[in-house]
């Protein structure tokens, strides 16, 4: 296996698409390590990560890792390489602002510590919550954001407050020196250049899943030749004409069945 340092091309910047896939590879690699698997082929790792093997090999080449023909990749060393590239070989203190159900769940998530993240503080503005202990952390007042960021040298903040309060919290985190925001609030945050925001909206993800579930139901009805009356409204079935429409990935009509 080649263990050379990263190429000049890698040092100049890894493609964003590759960066987005690195956590997928890392998750798959940890699963392999948990099963005491010492080496893995590009094909096996690609299947585990849900990508094609050619794309995986190209992505890992940006890290200076090419594996060994007939052997594959050393799992432990590849975990180190990917972790290093993602910045997970150092400790990252995280502050969570919002101690509601979602904030509590994040604070209790055991996967943070094993991936290089440490919950430094959990904060809220509710007097009834401030001072309580959640996941070993005494909830601090949101008014202390600036003090907490400075005390723990926080660079990553997670926002789990209602949408109406999210921008104000974001502004204070950024002003205090936080440069990376994980936003769970259902609102688009405005941040200055140099600040990264990753948005996590569970409702949007559920809506996308609903779309795909609806499309599959239409295709199944066409396949079985069932009456359109048995299909829920709003899924491409026209009950008034007895016509069933199946949509392709671009939302265009891919098939049509006419009832008798």
C-alpha atoms as a PDB file:
ATOM      1  CA  UNK A   1       0.000   0.000   0.000  1.00  0.00           C
ATOM      2  CA  UNK A   2       1.138   3.485  -0.770  1.00  0.00           C
ATOM      3  CA  UNK A   3       1.430   5.665   2.333  1.00  0.00           C
ATOM      4  CA  UNK A   4       2.949   8.670   0.694  1.00  0.00           C
ATOM      5  CA  UNK A   5       1.966  12.172   1.698  1.00  0.00           C
ATOM      6  CA  UNK A   6      -0.926  13.907   0.013  1.00  0.00           C
ATOM      7  CA  UNK A   7      -0.351  14.970  -3.574  1.00  0.00           C
ATOM      8  CA  UNK A   8       0.132  18.581  -4.610  1.00  0.00           C
ATOM      9  CA  UNK A   9      -3.311  18.425  -6.196  1.00  0.00           C
ATOM     10  CA  UNK A  10      -4.830  17.366  -2.865  1.00  0.00           C
ATOM     11  CA  UNK A  11      -3.022  20.118  -1.011  1.00  0.00           C
ATOM     12  CA  UNK A  12      -4.498  22.625  -3.444  1.00  0.00           C
ATOM     13  CA  UNK A  13      -7.987  21.489  -2.487  1.00  0.00           C
ATOM     14  CA  UNK A  14     -10.114  18.359  -2.610  1.00  0.00           C
ATOM     15  CA  UNK A  15     -13.327  18.644  -4.699  1.00  0.00           C
ATOM     16  CA  UNK A  16     -16.419  19.457  -2.657  1.00  0.00           C
ATOM     17  CA  UNK A  17     -18.199  16.380  -4.037  1.00  0.00           C
ATOM     18  CA  UNK A  18     -15.371  14.205  -2.730  1.00  0.00           C
ATOM     19  CA  UNK A  19     -15.480  15.870   0.690  1.00  0.00           C
ATOM     20  CA  UNK A  20     -19.213  15.154   0.869  1.00  0.00           C
ATOM     21  CA  UNK A  21     -18.550  11.450   0.294  1.00  0.00           C
ATOM     22  CA  UNK A  22     -15.672  11.051   2.760  1.00  0.00           C
ATOM     23  CA  UNK A  23     -18.000  10.701   5.789  1.00  0.00           C
ATOM     24  CA  UNK A  24     -19.798   7.876   3.943  1.00  0.00           C
ATOM     25  CA  UNK A  25     -16.508   6.054   3.484  1.00  0.00           C
ATOM     26  CA  UNK A  26     -15.570   6.653   7.113  1.00  0.00           C
ATOM     27  CA  UNK A  27     -18.866   5.246   8.362  1.00  0.00           C
ATOM     28  CA  UNK A  28     -18.418   2.140   6.222  1.00  0.00           C
ATOM     29  CA  UNK A  29     -14.820   1.742   7.378  1.00  0.00           C
ATOM     30  CA  UNK A  30     -15.792   1.946  11.057  1.00  0.00           C
ATOM     31  CA  UNK A  31     -18.398  -0.756  10.450  1.00  0.00           C
ATOM     32  CA  UNK A  32     -15.706  -2.957   8.883  1.00  0.00           C
ATOM     33  CA  UNK A  33     -13.323  -2.294  11.772  1.00  0.00           C
ATOM     34  CA  UNK A  34     -16.047  -3.267  14.249  1.00  0.00           C
ATOM     35  CA  UNK A  35     -16.183  -6.647  12.479  1.00  0.00           C
ATOM     36  CA  UNK A  36     -12.378  -7.009  12.766  1.00  0.00           C
ATOM     37  CA  UNK A  37     -11.916  -6.796   8.993  1.00  0.00           C
ATOM     38  CA  UNK A  38      -8.334  -5.722   8.315  1.00  0.00           C
ATOM     39  CA  UNK A  39      -8.478  -5.002   4.583  1.00  0.00           C
ATOM     40  CA  UNK A  40     -11.166  -4.219   2.042  1.00  0.00           C
ATOM     41  CA  UNK A  41     -11.279  -4.012  -1.748  1.00  0.00           C
ATOM     42  CA  UNK A  42     -12.495  -0.886  -3.500  1.00  0.00           C
ATOM     43  CA  UNK A  43     -15.520  -2.813  -4.761  1.00  0.00           C
ATOM     44  CA  UNK A  44     -16.506  -3.971  -1.275  1.00  0.00           C
ATOM     45  CA  UNK A  45     -16.012  -0.533   0.246  1.00  0.00           C
ATOM     46  CA  UNK A  46     -17.939   1.109  -2.583  1.00  0.00           C
ATOM     47  CA  UNK A  47     -20.923  -1.187  -2.014  1.00  0.00           C
ATOM     48  CA  UNK A  48     -20.835  -0.504   1.726  1.00  0.00           C
ATOM     49  CA  UNK A  49     -20.725   3.259   1.112  1.00  0.00           C
ATOM     50  CA  UNK A  50     -23.318   3.245  -1.675  1.00  0.00           C
ATOM     51  CA  UNK A  51     -21.112   4.594  -4.497  1.00  0.00           C
ATOM     52  CA  UNK A  52     -19.445   3.058  -7.538  1.00  0.00           C
ATOM     53  CA  UNK A  53     -15.916   1.721  -7.172  1.00  0.00           C
ATOM     54  CA  UNK A  54     -14.381   3.989  -9.835  1.00  0.00           C
ATOM     55  CA  UNK A  55     -15.631   7.077  -8.024  1.00  0.00           C
ATOM     56  CA  UNK A  56     -14.374   5.730  -4.706  1.00  0.00           C
ATOM     57  CA  UNK A  57     -10.887   5.056  -6.065  1.00  0.00           C
ATOM     58  CA  UNK A  58     -10.718   8.545  -7.530  1.00  0.00           C
ATOM     59  CA  UNK A  59     -11.887  10.103  -4.265  1.00  0.00           C
ATOM     60  CA  UNK A  60      -9.312   8.210  -2.210  1.00  0.00           C
ATOM     61  CA  UNK A  61      -6.550   9.122  -4.646  1.00  0.00           C
ATOM     62  CA  UNK A  62      -6.971  12.733  -3.472  1.00  0.00           C
ATOM     63  CA  UNK A  63      -5.863  11.478  -0.052  1.00  0.00           C
ATOM     64  CA  UNK A  64      -2.802   9.767  -1.531  1.00  0.00           C
ATOM     65  CA  UNK A  65      -4.282   6.326  -0.939  1.00  0.00           C
ATOM     66  CA  UNK A  66      -4.299   3.835  -3.811  1.00  0.00           C
ATOM     67  CA  UNK A  67      -4.511   0.485  -2.051  1.00  0.00           C
ATOM     68  CA  UNK A  68      -2.645  -2.638  -3.136  1.00  0.00           C
ATOM     69  CA  UNK A  69      -3.704  -4.781  -6.078  1.00  0.00           C
ATOM     70  CA  UNK A  70      -5.070  -8.100  -4.862  1.00  0.00           C
ATOM     71  CA  UNK A  71      -5.160  -6.882  -1.261  1.00  0.00           C
ATOM     72  CA  UNK A  72      -7.159  -3.678  -1.211  1.00  0.00           C
ATOM     73  CA  UNK A  73      -7.050  -0.963   1.425  1.00  0.00           C
ATOM     74  CA  UNK A  74      -5.830  -1.303   5.000  1.00  0.00           C
ATOM     75  CA  UNK A  75      -8.975  -0.468   6.978  1.00  0.00           C
ATOM     76  CA  UNK A  76      -7.298   1.077  10.036  1.00  0.00           C
ATOM     77  CA  UNK A  77      -4.913   3.206   8.008  1.00  0.00           C
ATOM     78  CA  UNK A  78      -7.661   4.375   5.676  1.00  0.00           C
ATOM     79  CA  UNK A  79      -9.729   5.378   8.718  1.00  0.00           C
ATOM     80  CA  UNK A  80      -6.788   7.495   9.806  1.00  0.00           C
ATOM     81  CA  UNK A  81      -6.371   9.051   6.352  1.00  0.00           C
ATOM     82  CA  UNK A  82     -10.032   9.978   5.983  1.00  0.00           C
ATOM     83  CA  UNK A  83     -10.258  11.182   9.585  1.00  0.00           C
ATOM     84  CA  UNK A  84      -7.166  13.350   9.104  1.00  0.00           C
ATOM     85  CA  UNK A  85      -8.581  14.893   5.938  1.00  0.00           C
ATOM     86  CA  UNK A  86     -11.889  15.642   7.667  1.00  0.00           C
ATOM     87  CA  UNK A  87     -10.087  17.182  10.633  1.00  0.00           C
ATOM     88  CA  UNK A  88     -11.243  14.481  13.032  1.00  0.00           C
ATOM     89  CA  UNK A  89      -7.813  13.702  14.449  1.00  0.00           C
ATOM     90  CA  UNK A  90      -8.163  16.686  16.780  1.00  0.00           C
ATOM     91  CA  UNK A  91     -10.714  17.598  19.425  1.00  0.00           C
ATOM     92  CA  UNK A  92     -13.597  19.843  18.302  1.00  0.00           C
ATOM     93  CA  UNK A  93     -15.649  21.452  21.082  1.00  0.00           C
ATOM     94  CA  UNK A  94     -19.263  22.031  20.058  1.00  0.00           C
ATOM     95  CA  UNK A  95     -21.850  24.270  21.682  1.00  0.00           C
ATOM     96  CA  UNK A  96     -25.529  23.347  21.340  1.00  0.00           C
ATOM     97  CA  UNK A  97     -27.942  26.260  21.630  1.00  0.00           C
ATOM     98  CA  UNK A  98     -31.453  25.041  22.361  1.00  0.00           C
ATOM     99  CA  UNK A  99     -32.129  22.433  25.056  1.00  0.00           C
ATOM    100  CA  UNK A 100     -35.459  21.204  23.714  1.00  0.00           C
ATOM    101  CA  UNK A 101     -36.091  17.648  22.569  1.00  0.00           C
ATOM    102  CA  UNK A 102     -33.685  17.882  19.629  1.00  0.00           C
ATOM    103  CA  UNK A 103     -30.950  19.613  21.619  1.00  0.00           C
ATOM    104  CA  UNK A 104     -31.254  16.984  24.336  1.00  0.00           C
ATOM    105  CA  UNK A 105     -31.001  14.203  21.775  1.00  0.00           C
ATOM    106  CA  UNK A 106     -27.839  15.715  20.303  1.00  0.00           C
ATOM    107  CA  UNK A 107     -26.288  16.165  23.738  1.00  0.00           C
ATOM    108  CA  UNK A 108     -26.989  12.505  24.519  1.00  0.00           C
ATOM    109  CA  UNK A 109     -25.614  11.220  21.219  1.00  0.00           C
ATOM    110  CA  UNK A 110     -22.661   8.984  22.002  1.00  0.00           C
ATOM    111  CA  UNK A 111     -21.242   9.101  18.487  1.00  0.00           C
ATOM    112  CA  UNK A 112     -19.805  12.604  18.895  1.00  0.00           C
ATOM    113  CA  UNK A 113     -16.919  11.639  21.159  1.00  0.00           C
ATOM    114  CA  UNK A 114     -15.811   8.720  18.997  1.00  0.00           C
ATOM    115  CA  UNK A 115     -15.689  10.980  15.920  1.00  0.00           C
ATOM    116  CA  UNK A 116     -13.629  13.803  17.391  1.00  0.00           C
ATOM    117  CA  UNK A 117     -16.409  16.052  18.658  1.00  0.00           C
ATOM    118  CA  UNK A 118     -17.038  17.079  22.245  1.00  0.00           C
ATOM    119  CA  UNK A 119     -20.145  18.830  23.517  1.00  0.00           C
ATOM    120  CA  UNK A 120     -18.633  21.729  25.418  1.00  0.00           C
ATOM    121  CA  UNK A 121     -21.887  23.311  26.539  1.00  0.00           C
ATOM    122  CA  UNK A 122     -25.657  23.089  26.197  1.00  0.00           C
ATOM    123  CA  UNK A 123     -27.486  26.412  26.330  1.00  0.00           C
ATOM    124  CA  UNK A 124     -31.061  27.700  26.453  1.00  0.00           C
ATOM    125  CA  UNK A 125     -33.048  30.855  27.191  1.00  0.00           C
ATOM    126  CA  UNK A 126     -35.830  29.190  29.212  1.00  0.00           C
ATOM    127  CA  UNK A 127     -35.405  29.955  32.939  1.00  0.00           C
ATOM    128  CA  UNK A 128     -37.117  26.655  33.696  1.00  0.00           C
ATOM    129  CA  UNK A 129     -34.431  24.741  31.804  1.00  0.00           C
ATOM    130  CA  UNK A 130     -31.347  26.759  32.705  1.00  0.00           C
ATOM    131  CA  UNK A 131     -29.455  25.067  35.519  1.00  0.00           C
ATOM    132  CA  UNK A 132     -30.852  21.603  34.834  1.00  0.00           C
ATOM    133  CA  UNK A 133     -28.451  18.785  33.981  1.00  0.00           C
ATOM    134  CA  UNK A 134     -28.738  17.077  30.598  1.00  0.00           C
ATOM    135  CA  UNK A 135     -26.290  14.393  29.449  1.00  0.00           C
ATOM    136  CA  UNK A 136     -23.887  15.467  32.184  1.00  0.00           C
ATOM    137  CA  UNK A 137     -24.027  19.134  31.166  1.00  0.00           C
ATOM    138  CA  UNK A 138     -25.554  21.853  33.307  1.00  0.00           C
ATOM    139  CA  UNK A 139     -27.607  23.967  30.917  1.00  0.00           C
ATOM    140  CA  UNK A 140     -26.237  27.485  30.712  1.00  0.00           C
ATOM    141  CA  UNK A 141     -28.086  30.661  29.806  1.00  0.00           C
ATOM    142  CA  UNK A 142     -28.022  31.706  26.152  1.00  0.00           C
ATOM    143  CA  UNK A 143     -26.900  35.112  27.376  1.00  0.00           C
ATOM    144  CA  UNK A 144     -23.514  33.507  28.049  1.00  0.00           C
ATOM    145  CA  UNK A 145     -22.843  32.509  24.432  1.00  0.00           C
ATOM    146  CA  UNK A 146     -19.882  34.838  24.030  1.00  0.00           C
ATOM    147  CA  UNK A 147     -18.323  33.711  27.306  1.00  0.00           C
ATOM    148  CA  UNK A 148     -18.786  30.004  26.509  1.00  0.00           C
ATOM    149  CA  UNK A 149     -17.324  30.319  23.001  1.00  0.00           C
ATOM    150  CA  UNK A 150     -14.256  32.070  24.379  1.00  0.00           C
ATOM    151  CA  UNK A 151     -13.871  29.730  27.368  1.00  0.00           C
ATOM    152  CA  UNK A 152     -13.968  26.496  25.343  1.00  0.00           C
ATOM    153  CA  UNK A 153     -12.565  27.934  22.095  1.00  0.00           C
ATOM    154  CA  UNK A 154     -15.638  26.786  20.235  1.00  0.00           C
ATOM    155  CA  UNK A 155     -15.596  26.906  16.438  1.00  0.00           C
ATOM    156  CA  UNK A 156     -18.686  24.758  15.781  1.00  0.00           C
ATOM    157  CA  UNK A 157     -22.177  25.636  16.944  1.00  0.00           C
ATOM    158  CA  UNK A 158     -25.404  23.618  16.640  1.00  0.00           C
ATOM    159  CA  UNK A 159     -28.638  25.624  16.537  1.00  0.00           C
ATOM    160  CA  UNK A 160     -31.731  23.738  17.737  1.00  0.00           C
ATOM    161  CA  UNK A 161     -33.984  26.683  18.604  1.00  0.00           C
ATOM    162  CA  UNK A 162     -37.303  27.714  16.973  1.00  0.00           C
ATOM    163  CA  UNK A 163     -37.038  29.407  13.578  1.00  0.00           C
ATOM    164  CA  UNK A 164     -37.909  32.856  14.936  1.00  0.00           C
ATOM    165  CA  UNK A 165     -34.856  32.826  17.238  1.00  0.00           C
ATOM    166  CA  UNK A 166     -32.355  31.082  14.950  1.00  0.00           C
ATOM    167  CA  UNK A 167     -30.917  34.091  13.100  1.00  0.00           C
ATOM    168  CA  UNK A 168     -30.298  36.012  16.323  1.00  0.00           C
ATOM    169  CA  UNK A 169     -28.493  33.042  17.858  1.00  0.00           C
ATOM    170  CA  UNK A 170     -26.504  32.570  14.669  1.00  0.00           C
ATOM    171  CA  UNK A 171     -25.437  36.237  14.664  1.00  0.00           C
ATOM    172  CA  UNK A 172     -24.201  35.981  18.241  1.00  0.00           C
ATOM    173  CA  UNK A 173     -22.292  32.757  17.603  1.00  0.00           C
ATOM    174  CA  UNK A 174     -20.603  34.240  14.540  1.00  0.00           C
ATOM    175  CA  UNK A 175     -19.769  37.488  16.338  1.00  0.00           C
ATOM    176  CA  UNK A 176     -18.212  35.424  19.143  1.00  0.00           C
ATOM    177  CA  UNK A 177     -15.922  33.631  16.673  1.00  0.00           C
ATOM    178  CA  UNK A 178     -17.827  30.497  15.632  1.00  0.00           C
ATOM    179  CA  UNK A 179     -17.080  29.716  11.978  1.00  0.00           C
ATOM    180  CA  UNK A 180     -19.158  26.575  11.413  1.00  0.00           C
ATOM    181  CA  UNK A 181     -22.899  26.271  12.066  1.00  0.00           C
ATOM    182  CA  UNK A 182     -25.063  23.154  12.075  1.00  0.00           C
ATOM    183  CA  UNK A 183     -28.587  24.497  11.692  1.00  0.00           C
ATOM    184  CA  UNK A 184     -31.615  22.403  12.655  1.00  0.00           C
ATOM    185  CA  UNK A 185     -34.034  25.343  12.634  1.00  0.00           C
ATOM    186  CA  UNK A 186     -36.438  25.455   9.650  1.00  0.00           C
ATOM    187  CA  UNK A 187     -35.055  28.733   8.319  1.00  0.00           C
ATOM    188  CA  UNK A 188     -32.280  29.876   5.993  1.00  0.00           C
ATOM    189  CA  UNK A 189     -29.533  31.631   7.948  1.00  0.00           C
ATOM    190  CA  UNK A 190     -27.636  34.626   6.614  1.00  0.00           C
ATOM    191  CA  UNK A 191     -23.939  34.492   7.461  1.00  0.00           C
ATOM    192  CA  UNK A 192     -20.886  36.463   6.328  1.00  0.00           C
ATOM    193  CA  UNK A 193     -18.192  35.072   4.044  1.00  0.00           C
ATOM    194  CA  UNK A 194     -15.911  32.666   5.845  1.00  0.00           C
ATOM    195  CA  UNK A 195     -18.705  31.033   7.858  1.00  0.00           C
ATOM    196  CA  UNK A 196     -20.009  27.609   6.819  1.00  0.00           C
ATOM    197  CA  UNK A 197     -23.596  26.534   7.442  1.00  0.00           C
ATOM    198  CA  UNK A 198     -24.943  23.010   7.114  1.00  0.00           C
ATOM    199  CA  UNK A 199     -28.731  22.797   7.271  1.00  0.00           C
ATOM    200  CA  UNK A 200     -30.530  19.740   8.614  1.00  0.00           C
ATOM    201  CA  UNK A 201     -34.284  19.864   7.951  1.00  0.00           C
ATOM    202  CA  UNK A 202     -36.014  16.613   8.867  1.00  0.00           C
ATOM    203  CA  UNK A 203     -39.372  17.743   7.472  1.00  0.00           C
ATOM    204  CA  UNK A 204     -37.856  18.346   4.029  1.00  0.00           C
ATOM    205  CA  UNK A 205     -36.231  14.916   4.056  1.00  0.00           C
ATOM    206  CA  UNK A 206     -39.582  13.330   4.965  1.00  0.00           C
ATOM    207  CA  UNK A 207     -41.296  15.212   2.132  1.00  0.00           C
ATOM    208  CA  UNK A 208     -38.723  13.899  -0.340  1.00  0.00           C
ATOM    209  CA  UNK A 209     -39.271  10.362   0.939  1.00  0.00           C
ATOM    210  CA  UNK A 210     -43.039  10.866   0.586  1.00  0.00           C
ATOM    211  CA  UNK A 211     -42.549  11.887  -3.045  1.00  0.00           C
ATOM    212  CA  UNK A 212     -40.608   8.731  -3.841  1.00  0.00           C
ATOM    213  CA  UNK A 213     -43.071   6.533  -1.924  1.00  0.00           C
ATOM    214  CA  UNK A 214     -45.940   8.087  -3.883  1.00  0.00           C
ATOM    215  CA  UNK A 215     -44.199   7.508  -7.203  1.00  0.00           C
ATOM    216  CA  UNK A 216     -43.522   3.874  -6.350  1.00  0.00           C
ATOM    217  CA  UNK A 217     -47.196   3.352  -5.479  1.00  0.00           C
ATOM    218  CA  UNK A 218     -48.197   4.619  -8.944  1.00  0.00           C
ATOM    219  CA  UNK A 219     -45.777   2.256 -10.666  1.00  0.00           C
ATOM    220  CA  UNK A 220     -47.053  -0.660  -8.560  1.00  0.00           C
ATOM    221  CA  UNK A 221     -50.651   0.104  -9.509  1.00  0.00           C
ATOM    222  CA  UNK A 222     -49.707   0.158 -13.199  1.00  0.00           C
ATOM    223  CA  UNK A 223     -47.855  -3.120 -12.785  1.00  0.00           C
ATOM    224  CA  UNK A 224     -50.797  -4.840 -11.080  1.00  0.00           C
ATOM    225  CA  UNK A 225     -53.412  -3.225 -13.306  1.00  0.00           C
ATOM    226  CA  UNK A 226     -55.562  -2.298 -10.296  1.00  0.00           C
ATOM    227  CA  UNK A 227     -58.450   0.185 -10.587  1.00  0.00           C
ATOM    228  CA  UNK A 228     -57.370   3.761 -10.064  1.00  0.00           C
ATOM    229  CA  UNK A 229     -59.980   4.192  -7.338  1.00  0.00           C
ATOM    230  CA  UNK A 230     -57.767   2.173  -5.013  1.00  0.00           C
ATOM    231  CA  UNK A 231     -54.921   4.685  -5.251  1.00  0.00           C
ATOM    232  CA  UNK A 232     -54.684   7.759  -2.931  1.00  0.00           C
ATOM    233  CA  UNK A 233     -55.351  11.123  -4.549  1.00  0.00           C
ATOM    234  CA  UNK A 234     -52.482  13.323  -5.679  1.00  0.00           C
ATOM    235  CA  UNK A 235     -50.200  10.609  -6.987  1.00  0.00           C
ATOM    236  CA  UNK A 236     -50.624  10.927 -10.718  1.00  0.00           C
ATOM    237  CA  UNK A 237     -53.866   8.895 -10.973  1.00  0.00           C
ATOM    238  CA  UNK A 238     -56.852  10.499 -12.668  1.00  0.00           C
ATOM    239  CA  UNK A 239     -60.053   9.025 -11.247  1.00  0.00           C
ATOM    240  CA  UNK A 240     -62.342  11.002 -13.560  1.00  0.00           C
ATOM    241  CA  UNK A 241     -60.825   9.622 -16.757  1.00  0.00           C
ATOM    242  CA  UNK A 242     -59.669   6.221 -15.596  1.00  0.00           C
ATOM    243  CA  UNK A 243     -56.100   7.064 -16.636  1.00  0.00           C
ATOM    244  CA  UNK A 244     -53.066   6.179 -14.537  1.00  0.00           C
ATOM    245  CA  UNK A 245     -49.869   8.134 -15.094  1.00  0.00           C
ATOM    246  CA  UNK A 246     -46.410   7.038 -13.929  1.00  0.00           C
ATOM    247  CA  UNK A 247     -43.720   9.689 -13.651  1.00  0.00           C
ATOM    248  CA  UNK A 248     -40.033   9.243 -14.353  1.00  0.00           C
ATOM    249  CA  UNK A 249     -37.174  10.778 -12.371  1.00  0.00           C
ATOM    250  CA  UNK A 250     -37.677  14.148 -14.084  1.00  0.00           C
ATOM    251  CA  UNK A 251     -41.345  14.309 -13.170  1.00  0.00           C
ATOM    252  CA  UNK A 252     -42.430  13.588 -16.754  1.00  0.00           C
ATOM    253  CA  UNK A 253     -44.990  10.986 -17.794  1.00  0.00           C
ATOM    254  CA  UNK A 254     -43.176   7.701 -18.372  1.00  0.00           C
ATOM    255  CA  UNK A 255     -46.178   5.391 -18.734  1.00  0.00           C
ATOM    256  CA  UNK A 256     -49.934   5.597 -18.999  1.00  0.00           C
ATOM    257  CA  UNK A 257     -52.648   3.055 -18.385  1.00  0.00           C
ATOM    258  CA  UNK A 258     -56.268   3.549 -19.402  1.00  0.00           C
ATOM    259  CA  UNK A 259     -58.958   1.887 -17.355  1.00  0.00           C
ATOM    260  CA  UNK A 260     -61.828   0.018 -18.944  1.00  0.00           C
END
